[in-house]
Amino acid sequence: MNVFITFEVSDKQDMVRTEMINKGYYSNWFDSNVPQKRKYELPINCVWKPNVELAAGKTDIEQIIAQLNSQGHNIILKKLIVLSANPWLGLES
């Protein structure tokens, strides 16, 4: 399934999102079902990934935060929702 993750962290929001992207998550998507391929940008605290289970999405962000904290950061995962992301609807970028 496609998963959609929205999260709130105490610090380093951009760093956490970048690491999620490095792990194969996306910060946007394209609608190829229309004649002009439309791009949709996600809010800064959201990412999505195809072909992954909900529990794996939760584990991924927890592991990334633990890894960043082992490098001297003090990031707390304050809020987290992992949802199935199909179908979807959004505002075109």
PDB file of N, CA and C in Angstrom:
ATOM      1  N   MET A   1       0.831  -1.184   0.000  1.00  0.00           N
ATOM      2  CA  MET A   1       0.000   0.000   0.000  1.00  0.00           C
ATOM      3  C   MET A   1       0.876   1.248   0.000  1.00  0.00           C
ATOM      4  N   ASN A   2       0.314   2.364  -0.385  1.00  0.00           N
ATOM      5  CA  ASN A   2       0.994   3.649  -0.274  1.00  0.00           C
ATOM      6  C   ASN A   2       0.712   4.203   1.114  1.00  0.00           C
ATOM      7  N   VAL A   3       1.754   4.702   1.782  1.00  0.00           N
ATOM      8  CA  VAL A   3       1.535   5.289   3.102  1.00  0.00           C
ATOM      9  C   VAL A   3       1.815   6.785   3.061  1.00  0.00           C
ATOM     10  N   PHE A   4       1.059   7.495   3.854  1.00  0.00           N
ATOM     11  CA  PHE A   4       1.195   8.937   4.035  1.00  0.00           C
ATOM     12  C   PHE A   4       1.536   9.145   5.502  1.00  0.00           C
ATOM     13  N   ILE A   5       2.615   9.884   5.755  1.00  0.00           N
ATOM     14  CA  ILE A   5       3.066  10.124   7.122  1.00  0.00           C
ATOM     15  C   ILE A   5       3.056  11.622   7.386  1.00  0.00           C
ATOM     16  N   THR A   6       2.426  12.005   8.466  1.00  0.00           N
ATOM     17  CA  THR A   6       2.502  13.379   8.932  1.00  0.00           C
ATOM     18  C   THR A   6       3.029  13.336  10.358  1.00  0.00           C
ATOM     19  N   PHE A   7       3.953  14.236  10.659  1.00  0.00           N
ATOM     20  CA  PHE A   7       4.642  14.165  11.942  1.00  0.00           C
ATOM     21  C   PHE A   7       4.996  15.557  12.461  1.00  0.00           C
ATOM     22  N   GLU A   8       5.195  15.618  13.766  1.00  0.00           N
ATOM     23  CA  GLU A   8       5.662  16.840  14.415  1.00  0.00           C
ATOM     24  C   GLU A   8       6.824  16.438  15.306  1.00  0.00           C
ATOM     25  N   VAL A   9       7.931  17.155  15.159  1.00  0.00           N
ATOM     26  CA  VAL A   9       9.109  16.900  15.981  1.00  0.00           C
ATOM     27  C   VAL A   9       9.480  18.168  16.734  1.00  0.00           C
ATOM     28  N   SER A  10      10.248  17.990  17.798  1.00  0.00           N
ATOM     29  CA  SER A  10      10.620  19.121  18.644  1.00  0.00           C
ATOM     30  C   SER A  10      11.635  20.037  17.985  1.00  0.00           C
ATOM     31  N   ASP A  11      12.405  19.514  17.033  1.00  0.00           N
ATOM     32  CA  ASP A  11      13.490  20.281  16.414  1.00  0.00           C
ATOM     33  C   ASP A  11      13.918  19.570  15.128  1.00  0.00           C
ATOM     34  N   LYS A  12      14.580  20.276  14.239  1.00  0.00           N
ATOM     35  CA  LYS A  12      15.191  19.695  13.036  1.00  0.00           C
ATOM     36  C   LYS A  12      14.166  19.085  12.075  1.00  0.00           C
ATOM     37  N   GLN A  13      13.020  19.744  11.928  1.00  0.00           N
ATOM     38  CA  GLN A  13      11.955  19.275  11.032  1.00  0.00           C
ATOM     39  C   GLN A  13      12.499  18.988   9.628  1.00  0.00           C
ATOM     40  N   ASP A  14      13.247  19.928   9.073  1.00  0.00           N
ATOM     41  CA  ASP A  14      13.781  19.761   7.720  1.00  0.00           C
ATOM     42  C   ASP A  14      14.747  18.588   7.646  1.00  0.00           C
ATOM     43  N   MET A  15      15.553  18.409   8.660  1.00  0.00           N
ATOM     44  CA  MET A  15      16.528  17.325   8.687  1.00  0.00           C
ATOM     45  C   MET A  15      15.819  15.963   8.713  1.00  0.00           C
ATOM     46  N   VAL A  16      14.789  15.850   9.525  1.00  0.00           N
ATOM     47  CA  VAL A  16      14.030  14.599   9.605  1.00  0.00           C
ATOM     48  C   VAL A  16      13.385  14.308   8.254  1.00  0.00           C
ATOM     49  N   ARG A  17      12.792  15.310   7.643  1.00  0.00           N
ATOM     50  CA  ARG A  17      12.141  15.108   6.345  1.00  0.00           C
ATOM     51  C   ARG A  17      13.160  14.711   5.282  1.00  0.00           C
ATOM     52  N   THR A  18      14.313  15.366   5.274  1.00  0.00           N
ATOM     53  CA  THR A  18      15.361  15.029   4.305  1.00  0.00           C
ATOM     54  C   THR A  18      15.815  13.583   4.470  1.00  0.00           C
ATOM     55  N   GLU A  19      15.975  13.146   5.703  1.00  0.00           N
ATOM     56  CA  GLU A  19      16.381  11.757   5.942  1.00  0.00           C
ATOM     57  C   GLU A  19      15.297  10.775   5.505  1.00  0.00           C
ATOM     58  N   MET A  20      14.033  11.140   5.676  1.00  0.00           N
ATOM     59  CA  MET A  20      12.944  10.295   5.198  1.00  0.00           C
ATOM     60  C   MET A  20      12.989  10.203   3.663  1.00  0.00           C
ATOM     61  N   ILE A  21      13.254  11.318   3.011  1.00  0.00           N
ATOM     62  CA  ILE A  21      13.376  11.325   1.548  1.00  0.00           C
ATOM     63  C   ILE A  21      14.558  10.454   1.124  1.00  0.00           C
ATOM     64  N   ASN A  22      15.669  10.545   1.843  1.00  0.00           N
ATOM     65  CA  ASN A  22      16.832   9.702   1.544  1.00  0.00           C
ATOM     66  C   ASN A  22      16.510   8.215   1.705  1.00  0.00           C
ATOM     67  N   LYS A  23      15.516   7.907   2.502  1.00  0.00           N
ATOM     68  CA  LYS A  23      15.102   6.515   2.742  1.00  0.00           C
ATOM     69  C   LYS A  23      14.034   6.064   1.738  1.00  0.00           C
ATOM     70  N   GLY A  24      13.729   6.889   0.755  1.00  0.00           N
ATOM     71  CA  GLY A  24      12.807   6.490  -0.300  1.00  0.00           C
ATOM     72  C   GLY A  24      11.430   7.099  -0.238  1.00  0.00           C
ATOM     73  N   TYR A  25      11.200   8.006   0.710  1.00  0.00           N
ATOM     74  CA  TYR A  25       9.914   8.695   0.802  1.00  0.00           C
ATOM     75  C   TYR A  25       9.915   9.884  -0.149  1.00  0.00           C
ATOM     76  N   TYR A  26       8.726  10.398  -0.440  1.00  0.00           N
ATOM     77  CA  TYR A  26       8.571  11.514  -1.368  1.00  0.00           C
ATOM     78  C   TYR A  26       7.899  12.691  -0.676  1.00  0.00           C
ATOM     79  N   SER A  27       8.257  13.909  -1.133  1.00  0.00           N
ATOM     80  CA  SER A  27       7.648  15.131  -0.600  1.00  0.00           C
ATOM     81  C   SER A  27       6.633  15.719  -1.571  1.00  0.00           C
ATOM     82  N   ASN A  28       6.413  15.029  -2.686  1.00  0.00           N
ATOM     83  CA  ASN A  28       5.425  15.466  -3.673  1.00  0.00           C
ATOM     84  C   ASN A  28       4.951  14.251  -4.455  1.00  0.00           C
ATOM     85  N   TRP A  29       3.946  14.438  -5.285  1.00  0.00           N
ATOM     86  CA  TRP A  29       3.524  13.391  -6.194  1.00  0.00           C
ATOM     87  C   TRP A  29       2.975  14.030  -7.448  1.00  0.00           C
ATOM     88  N   PHE A  30       2.902  13.234  -8.500  1.00  0.00           N
ATOM     89  CA  PHE A  30       2.393  13.683  -9.784  1.00  0.00           C
ATOM     90  C   PHE A  30       1.147  12.893 -10.137  1.00  0.00           C
ATOM     91  N   ASP A  31       0.152  13.588 -10.661  1.00  0.00           N
ATOM     92  CA  ASP A  31      -1.065  12.943 -11.142  1.00  0.00           C
ATOM     93  C   ASP A  31      -0.891  12.731 -12.639  1.00  0.00           C
ATOM     94  N   SER A  32      -0.615  11.516 -13.022  1.00  0.00           N
ATOM     95  CA  SER A  32      -0.414  11.222 -14.441  1.00  0.00           C
ATOM     96  C   SER A  32      -1.707  10.776 -15.111  1.00  0.00           C
ATOM     97  N   ASN A  33      -2.825  10.846 -14.399  1.00  0.00           N
ATOM     98  CA  ASN A  33      -4.124  10.451 -14.949  1.00  0.00           C
ATOM     99  C   ASN A  33      -4.818  11.588 -15.680  1.00  0.00           C
ATOM    100  N   VAL A  34      -4.132  12.696 -15.840  1.00  0.00           N
ATOM    101  CA  VAL A  34      -4.701  13.843 -16.556  1.00  0.00           C
ATOM    102  C   VAL A  34      -3.765  14.196 -17.715  1.00  0.00           C
ATOM    103  N   PRO A  35      -4.265  14.873 -18.742  1.00  0.00           N
ATOM    104  CA  PRO A  35      -3.429  15.195 -19.908  1.00  0.00           C
ATOM    105  C   PRO A  35      -2.145  15.976 -19.545  1.00  0.00           C
ATOM    106  N   GLN A  36      -2.259  16.970 -18.671  1.00  0.00           N
ATOM    107  CA  GLN A  36      -1.078  17.697 -18.218  1.00  0.00           C
ATOM    108  C   GLN A  36      -0.701  17.123 -16.853  1.00  0.00           C
ATOM    109  N   LYS A  37       0.464  16.531 -16.778  1.00  0.00           N
ATOM    110  CA  LYS A  37       0.917  15.905 -15.532  1.00  0.00           C
ATOM    111  C   LYS A  37       0.972  16.960 -14.430  1.00  0.00           C
ATOM    112  N   ARG A  38       0.153  16.813 -13.402  1.00  0.00           N
ATOM    113  CA  ARG A  38       0.059  17.804 -12.325  1.00  0.00           C
ATOM    114  C   ARG A  38       0.938  17.403 -11.150  1.00  0.00           C
ATOM    115  N   LYS A  39       1.604  18.404 -10.562  1.00  0.00           N
ATOM    116  CA  LYS A  39       2.477  18.165  -9.414  1.00  0.00           C
ATOM    117  C   LYS A  39       1.793  18.657  -8.137  1.00  0.00           C
ATOM    118  N   TYR A  40       1.895  17.864  -7.084  1.00  0.00           N
ATOM    119  CA  TYR A  40       1.331  18.198  -5.784  1.00  0.00           C
ATOM    120  C   TYR A  40       2.450  18.150  -4.748  1.00  0.00           C
ATOM    121  N   GLU A  41       2.686  19.262  -4.066  1.00  0.00           N
ATOM    122  CA  GLU A  41       3.702  19.350  -3.006  1.00  0.00           C
ATOM    123  C   GLU A  41       3.029  19.094  -1.664  1.00  0.00           C
ATOM    124  N   LEU A  42       3.672  18.303  -0.836  1.00  0.00           N
ATOM    125  CA  LEU A  42       3.148  18.037   0.497  1.00  0.00           C
ATOM    126  C   LEU A  42       3.627  19.105   1.484  1.00  0.00           C
ATOM    127  N   PRO A  43       2.885  19.338   2.554  1.00  0.00           N
ATOM    128  CA  PRO A  43       3.360  20.235   3.609  1.00  0.00           C
ATOM    129  C   PRO A  43       4.687  19.729   4.183  1.00  0.00           C
ATOM    130  N   ILE A  44       5.439  20.598   4.819  1.00  0.00           N
ATOM    131  CA  ILE A  44       6.792  20.314   5.292  1.00  0.00           C
ATOM    132  C   ILE A  44       6.852  19.152   6.282  1.00  0.00           C
ATOM    133  N   ASN A  45       5.762  18.855   6.945  1.00  0.00           N
ATOM    134  CA  ASN A  45       5.776  17.782   7.945  1.00  0.00           C
ATOM    135  C   ASN A  45       5.144  16.490   7.422  1.00  0.00           C
ATOM    136  N   CYS A  46       5.143  16.320   6.097  1.00  0.00           N
ATOM    137  CA  CYS A  46       4.510  15.149   5.491  1.00  0.00           C
ATOM    138  C   CYS A  46       5.412  14.526   4.425  1.00  0.00           C
ATOM    139  N   VAL A  47       5.333  13.210   4.330  1.00  0.00           N
ATOM    140  CA  VAL A  47       5.983  12.458   3.263  1.00  0.00           C
ATOM    141  C   VAL A  47       5.088  11.269   2.908  1.00  0.00           C
ATOM    142  N   TRP A  48       5.370  10.633   1.801  1.00  0.00           N
ATOM    143  CA  TRP A  48       4.635   9.427   1.430  1.00  0.00           C
ATOM    144  C   TRP A  48       5.587   8.459   0.751  1.00  0.00           C
ATOM    145  N   LYS A  49       5.180   7.192   0.716  1.00  0.00           N
ATOM    146  CA  LYS A  49       6.010   6.160   0.090  1.00  0.00           C
ATOM    147  C   LYS A  49       5.104   5.057  -0.453  1.00  0.00           C
ATOM    148  N   PRO A  50       5.398   4.598  -1.673  1.00  0.00           N
ATOM    149  CA  PRO A  50       4.606   3.505  -2.235  1.00  0.00           C
ATOM    150  C   PRO A  50       5.091   2.136  -1.728  1.00  0.00           C
ATOM    151  N   ASN A  51       4.194   1.180  -1.756  1.00  0.00           N
ATOM    152  CA  ASN A  51       4.533  -0.221  -1.488  1.00  0.00           C
ATOM    153  C   ASN A  51       5.217  -0.453  -0.146  1.00  0.00           C
ATOM    154  N   VAL A  52       4.620   0.090   0.893  1.00  0.00           N
ATOM    155  CA  VAL A  52       5.150  -0.102   2.244  1.00  0.00           C
ATOM    156  C   VAL A  52       3.966  -0.263   3.194  1.00  0.00           C
ATOM    157  N   GLU A  53       4.175  -0.977   4.262  1.00  0.00           N
ATOM    158  CA  GLU A  53       3.120  -1.187   5.261  1.00  0.00           C
ATOM    159  C   GLU A  53       3.106  -0.044   6.277  1.00  0.00           C
ATOM    160  N   LEU A  54       1.979   0.158   6.923  1.00  0.00           N
ATOM    161  CA  LEU A  54       1.835   1.233   7.911  1.00  0.00           C
ATOM    162  C   LEU A  54       2.891   1.126   9.013  1.00  0.00           C
ATOM    163  N   ALA A  55       3.070  -0.071   9.558  1.00  0.00           N
ATOM    164  CA  ALA A  55       4.030  -0.255  10.659  1.00  0.00           C
ATOM    165  C   ALA A  55       5.449   0.092  10.223  1.00  0.00           C
ATOM    166  N   ALA A  56       5.797  -0.182   8.966  1.00  0.00           N
ATOM    167  CA  ALA A  56       7.131   0.142   8.464  1.00  0.00           C
ATOM    168  C   ALA A  56       7.337   1.658   8.408  1.00  0.00           C
ATOM    169  N   GLY A  57       6.293   2.397   8.060  1.00  0.00           N
ATOM    170  CA  GLY A  57       6.403   3.860   8.046  1.00  0.00           C
ATOM    171  C   GLY A  57       6.698   4.407   9.428  1.00  0.00           C
ATOM    172  N   LYS A  58       6.022   3.868  10.418  1.00  0.00           N
ATOM    173  CA  LYS A  58       6.254   4.296  11.805  1.00  0.00           C
ATOM    174  C   LYS A  58       7.670   3.939  12.240  1.00  0.00           C
ATOM    175  N   THR A  59       8.089   2.732  11.943  1.00  0.00           N
ATOM    176  CA  THR A  59       9.433   2.293  12.307  1.00  0.00           C
ATOM    177  C   THR A  59      10.497   3.144  11.624  1.00  0.00           C
ATOM    178  N   ASP A  60      10.291   3.469  10.353  1.00  0.00           N
ATOM    179  CA  ASP A  60      11.278   4.268   9.608  1.00  0.00           C
ATOM    180  C   ASP A  60      11.537   5.609  10.277  1.00  0.00           C
ATOM    181  N   ILE A  61      10.490   6.334  10.624  1.00  0.00           N
ATOM    182  CA  ILE A  61      10.704   7.664  11.211  1.00  0.00           C
ATOM    183  C   ILE A  61      11.299   7.550  12.614  1.00  0.00           C
ATOM    184  N   GLU A  62      10.896   6.537  13.364  1.00  0.00           N
ATOM    185  CA  GLU A  62      11.478   6.343  14.694  1.00  0.00           C
ATOM    186  C   GLU A  62      12.970   6.022  14.597  1.00  0.00           C
ATOM    187  N   GLN A  63      13.347   5.195  13.632  1.00  0.00           N
ATOM    188  CA  GLN A  63      14.761   4.853  13.449  1.00  0.00           C
ATOM    189  C   GLN A  63      15.575   6.053  12.994  1.00  0.00           C
ATOM    190  N   ILE A  64      15.009   6.860  12.115  1.00  0.00           N
ATOM    191  CA  ILE A  64      15.714   8.056  11.642  1.00  0.00           C
ATOM    192  C   ILE A  64      15.953   9.019  12.794  1.00  0.00           C
ATOM    193  N   ILE A  65      14.953   9.229  13.623  1.00  0.00           N
ATOM    194  CA  ILE A  65      15.123  10.130  14.776  1.00  0.00           C
ATOM    195  C   ILE A  65      16.159   9.565  15.734  1.00  0.00           C
ATOM    196  N   ALA A  66      16.145   8.267  15.978  1.00  0.00           N
ATOM    197  CA  ALA A  66      17.143   7.641  16.855  1.00  0.00           C
ATOM    198  C   ALA A  66      18.549   7.814  16.277  1.00  0.00           C
ATOM    199  N   GLN A  67      18.674   7.661  14.959  1.00  0.00           N
ATOM    200  CA  GLN A  67      19.971   7.836  14.306  1.00  0.00           C
ATOM    201  C   GLN A  67      20.465   9.274  14.452  1.00  0.00           C
ATOM    202  N   LEU A  68      19.587  10.238  14.215  1.00  0.00           N
ATOM    203  CA  LEU A  68      19.970  11.644  14.348  1.00  0.00           C
ATOM    204  C   LEU A  68      20.329  11.976  15.802  1.00  0.00           C
ATOM    205  N   ASN A  69      19.590  11.415  16.739  1.00  0.00           N
ATOM    206  CA  ASN A  69      19.891  11.652  18.155  1.00  0.00           C
ATOM    207  C   ASN A  69      21.234  11.041  18.545  1.00  0.00           C
ATOM    208  N   SER A  70      21.615   9.925  17.922  1.00  0.00           N
ATOM    209  CA  SER A  70      22.915   9.308  18.213  1.00  0.00           C
ATOM    210  C   SER A  70      24.069  10.165  17.700  1.00  0.00           C
ATOM    211  N   GLN A  71      23.743  11.116  16.811  1.00  0.00           N
ATOM    212  CA  GLN A  71      24.742  12.044  16.275  1.00  0.00           C
ATOM    213  C   GLN A  71      24.785  13.347  17.082  1.00  0.00           C
ATOM    214  N   GLY A  72      24.093  13.369  18.218  1.00  0.00           N
ATOM    215  CA  GLY A  72      24.156  14.529  19.096  1.00  0.00           C
ATOM    216  C   GLY A  72      22.940  15.434  19.089  1.00  0.00           C
ATOM    217  N   HIS A  73      21.954  15.135  18.277  1.00  0.00           N
ATOM    218  CA  HIS A  73      20.736  15.931  18.270  1.00  0.00           C
ATOM    219  C   HIS A  73      19.821  15.464  19.401  1.00  0.00           C
ATOM    220  N   ASN A  74      18.853  16.291  19.736  1.00  0.00           N
ATOM    221  CA  ASN A  74      17.890  15.931  20.774  1.00  0.00           C
ATOM    222  C   ASN A  74      16.481  16.142  20.214  1.00  0.00           C
ATOM    223  N   ILE A  75      16.096  15.256  19.311  1.00  0.00           N
ATOM    224  CA  ILE A  75      14.813  15.373  18.610  1.00  0.00           C
ATOM    225  C   ILE A  75      13.795  14.473  19.290  1.00  0.00           C
ATOM    226  N   ILE A  76      12.646  15.039  19.581  1.00  0.00           N
ATOM    227  CA  ILE A  76      11.550  14.281  20.175  1.00  0.00           C
ATOM    228  C   ILE A  76      10.430  14.203  19.152  1.00  0.00           C
ATOM    229  N   LEU A  77       9.947  12.998  18.889  1.00  0.00           N
ATOM    230  CA  LEU A  77       8.798  12.804  18.024  1.00  0.00           C
ATOM    231  C   LEU A  77       7.550  13.091  18.856  1.00  0.00           C
ATOM    232  N   LYS A  78       6.927  14.240  18.572  1.00  0.00           N
ATOM    233  CA  LYS A  78       5.798  14.688  19.389  1.00  0.00           C
ATOM    234  C   LYS A  78       4.465  14.136  18.908  1.00  0.00           C
ATOM    235  N   LYS A  79       4.283  14.074  17.586  1.00  0.00           N
ATOM    236  CA  LYS A  79       3.027  13.596  17.005  1.00  0.00           C
ATOM    237  C   LYS A  79       3.344  12.819  15.729  1.00  0.00           C
ATOM    238  N   LEU A  80       2.527  11.796  15.468  1.00  0.00           N
ATOM    239  CA  LEU A  80       2.754  10.968  14.288  1.00  0.00           C
ATOM    240  C   LEU A  80       1.449  10.306  13.866  1.00  0.00           C
ATOM    241  N   ILE A  81       1.151  10.388  12.582  1.00  0.00           N
ATOM    242  CA  ILE A  81       0.034   9.661  11.988  1.00  0.00           C
ATOM    243  C   ILE A  81       0.565   9.004  10.718  1.00  0.00           C
ATOM    244  N   VAL A  82       0.321   7.718  10.568  1.00  0.00           N
ATOM    245  CA  VAL A  82       0.677   6.983   9.357  1.00  0.00           C
ATOM    246  C   VAL A  82      -0.627   6.421   8.789  1.00  0.00           C
ATOM    247  N   LEU A  83      -0.946   6.819   7.567  1.00  0.00           N
ATOM    248  CA  LEU A  83      -2.224   6.457   6.947  1.00  0.00           C
ATOM    249  C   LEU A  83      -2.018   5.780   5.607  1.00  0.00           C
ATOM    250  N   SER A  84      -2.986   5.006   5.207  1.00  0.00           N
ATOM    251  CA  SER A  84      -3.019   4.483   3.850  1.00  0.00           C
ATOM    252  C   SER A  84      -3.322   5.657   2.920  1.00  0.00           C
ATOM    253  N   ALA A  85      -2.574   5.788   1.840  1.00  0.00           N
ATOM    254  CA  ALA A  85      -2.670   6.984   0.994  1.00  0.00           C
ATOM    255  C   ALA A  85      -3.250   6.698  -0.388  1.00  0.00           C
ATOM    256  N   ASN A  86      -4.340   5.986  -0.433  1.00  0.00           N
ATOM    257  CA  ASN A  86      -4.934   5.737  -1.726  1.00  0.00           C
ATOM    258  C   ASN A  86      -6.426   5.501  -1.536  1.00  0.00           C
ATOM    259  N   PRO A  87      -7.284   6.204  -2.173  1.00  0.00           N
ATOM    260  CA  PRO A  87      -7.030   7.282  -3.130  1.00  0.00           C
ATOM    261  C   PRO A  87      -6.652   8.580  -2.417  1.00  0.00           C
ATOM    262  N   TRP A  88      -6.310   9.590  -3.177  1.00  0.00           N
ATOM    263  CA  TRP A  88      -5.926  10.872  -2.613  1.00  0.00           C
ATOM    264  C   TRP A  88      -6.490  12.005  -3.463  1.00  0.00           C
ATOM    265  N   LEU A  89      -6.463  13.171  -2.873  1.00  0.00           N
ATOM    266  CA  LEU A  89      -6.900  14.386  -3.558  1.00  0.00           C
ATOM    267  C   LEU A  89      -6.109  15.526  -2.961  1.00  0.00           C
ATOM    268  N   GLY A  90      -5.665  16.483  -3.764  1.00  0.00           N
ATOM    269  CA  GLY A  90      -4.863  17.572  -3.226  1.00  0.00           C
ATOM    270  C   GLY A  90      -4.959  18.834  -4.050  1.00  0.00           C
ATOM    271  N   LEU A  91      -4.295  19.863  -3.576  1.00  0.00           N
ATOM    272  CA  LEU A  91      -4.218  21.149  -4.258  1.00  0.00           C
ATOM    273  C   LEU A  91      -2.985  21.147  -5.137  1.00  0.00           C
ATOM    274  N   GLU A  92      -3.159  21.391  -6.418  1.00  0.00           N
ATOM    275  CA  GLU A  92      -2.047  21.382  -7.363  1.00  0.00           C
ATOM    276  C   GLU A  92      -1.039  22.468  -7.009  1.00  0.00           C
ATOM    277  N   SER A  93       0.250  22.139  -7.129  1.00  0.00           N
ATOM    278  CA  SER A  93       1.329  23.103  -6.839  1.00  0.00           C
ATOM    279  C   SER A  93       1.573  24.015  -8.015  1.00  0.00           C
TER     280      SER A  93
END
